[in-house]
Amino acid sequence: MSKKRVLKALDSLGVRTSAFKILCYLTFKQGELKPSEISEGLGMKAGTVRARLSELKEAKLVRTLRDGYVSNILPYDILMRIYEEIRREMKEERKSG
């Protein structure tokens, strides 16, 4: 997929935050990428990409692989994290409610 098509697709999804754009880009590319490749592919500054990748890594939405490559985690893992968070919140509500 060309850079222009990727950017157009992301814009059509209403993707506004750089972190979400990076996460979507990794998902569409379906593989390991270096931060410089993400920066080039999305037309973002390298510093912005590195900062957002750090945030995404902290949130456990991406992982660092060998030689500085990054990859998104599997959609199943993301869904399980969301499920666990909802479940935890529901338990807390029951306790306080």
Protein backbone atom coordinates (compact mmCIF):
# COMPACT_ATOMS: atom_id res chain seq x y z
CA MET A 1 0.00 0.00 0.00
CA SER A 2 1.44 3.37 -0.97
CA LYS A 3 2.14 6.06 1.61
CA LYS A 4 -0.54 8.27 0.08
CA ARG A 5 -3.16 5.49 0.29
CA VAL A 6 -2.23 4.70 3.89
CA LEU A 7 -2.54 8.34 4.94
CA LYS A 8 -5.84 8.67 3.08
CA ALA A 9 -7.18 5.50 4.74
CA LEU A 10 -6.16 6.74 8.19
CA ASP A 11 -7.78 10.12 7.54
CA SER A 12 -11.00 8.44 6.40
CA LEU A 13 -11.11 6.52 9.69
CA GLY A 14 -11.04 9.80 11.56
CA VAL A 15 -7.73 8.91 13.15
CA ARG A 16 -6.52 12.07 14.85
CA THR A 17 -3.95 11.20 17.51
CA SER A 18 -0.45 10.28 16.49
CA ALA A 19 -0.45 7.27 18.85
CA PHE A 20 -3.58 5.86 17.21
CA LYS A 21 -2.17 6.51 13.74
CA ILE A 22 0.97 4.58 14.67
CA LEU A 23 -1.04 1.70 16.11
CA CYS A 24 -3.21 1.53 12.97
CA TYR A 25 -0.17 1.76 10.71
CA LEU A 26 1.49 -1.16 12.50
CA THR A 27 -1.72 -3.15 12.20
CA PHE A 28 -2.13 -2.46 8.47
CA LYS A 29 1.53 -3.27 7.78
CA GLN A 30 1.19 -6.56 9.70
CA GLY A 31 4.82 -6.93 10.60
CA GLU A 32 7.82 -5.60 12.39
CA LEU A 33 8.92 -2.07 11.60
CA LYS A 34 11.66 0.22 12.79
CA PRO A 35 10.60 3.58 14.22
CA SER A 36 12.28 5.29 11.24
CA GLU A 37 10.08 3.27 8.86
CA ILE A 38 6.97 4.33 10.77
CA SER A 39 8.12 7.94 10.74
CA GLU A 40 8.72 7.84 7.00
CA GLY A 41 5.50 5.95 6.26
CA LEU A 42 3.32 8.35 8.22
CA GLY A 43 5.25 11.52 7.51
CA MET A 44 5.76 12.17 11.24
CA LYS A 45 8.83 13.49 13.01
CA ALA A 46 11.06 10.73 14.38
CA GLY A 47 10.89 12.20 17.89
CA THR A 48 7.10 12.13 17.84
CA VAL A 49 7.08 8.50 16.72
CA ARG A 50 9.57 7.45 19.41
CA ALA A 51 7.61 9.28 22.12
CA ARG A 52 4.29 7.74 21.08
CA LEU A 53 5.88 4.28 20.79
CA SER A 54 7.09 4.64 24.38
CA GLU A 55 3.54 5.46 25.48
CA LEU A 56 2.11 2.55 23.48
CA LYS A 57 4.74 0.22 24.90
CA GLU A 58 3.89 1.35 28.43
CA ALA A 59 0.22 0.65 27.68
CA LYS A 60 1.27 -2.78 26.39
CA LEU A 61 -0.14 -2.09 22.92
CA VAL A 62 3.18 -2.51 21.13
CA ARG A 63 6.30 -4.45 21.93
CA THR A 64 9.95 -3.94 21.15
CA LEU A 65 11.62 -6.73 19.24
CA ARG A 66 15.14 -7.45 18.12
CA ASP A 67 17.33 -4.72 16.66
CA GLY A 68 14.92 -1.91 17.56
CA TYR A 69 11.97 -3.19 15.57
CA VAL A 70 8.48 -2.73 17.02
CA SER A 71 5.28 -4.66 16.46
CA ASN A 72 1.72 -4.28 17.59
CA ILE A 73 0.35 -6.98 19.81
CA LEU A 74 -2.28 -9.37 18.54
CA PRO A 75 -5.88 -8.07 18.40
CA TYR A 76 -6.83 -10.95 20.71
CA ASP A 77 -4.42 -9.63 23.35
CA ILE A 78 -5.89 -6.14 23.05
CA LEU A 79 -9.44 -7.49 23.42
CA MET A 80 -8.44 -9.54 26.46
CA ARG A 81 -6.87 -6.48 28.08
CA ILE A 82 -10.05 -4.48 27.48
CA TYR A 83 -12.17 -7.35 28.84
CA GLU A 84 -10.02 -7.63 31.96
CA GLU A 85 -10.20 -3.88 32.55
CA ILE A 86 -14.01 -3.83 32.18
CA ARG A 87 -14.30 -6.81 34.48
CA ARG A 88 -12.07 -5.13 37.09
CA GLU A 89 -14.13 -1.93 36.92
CA MET A 90 -17.38 -3.87 37.31
CA LYS A 91 -16.03 -5.61 40.42
CA GLU A 92 -15.02 -2.26 41.89
CA GLU A 93 -18.49 -0.84 41.18
CA ARG A 94 -20.14 -3.79 42.92
CA LYS A 95 -17.94 -3.31 45.98
CA SER A 96 -18.65 0.40 46.23
CA GLY A 97 -22.27 0.25 45.07
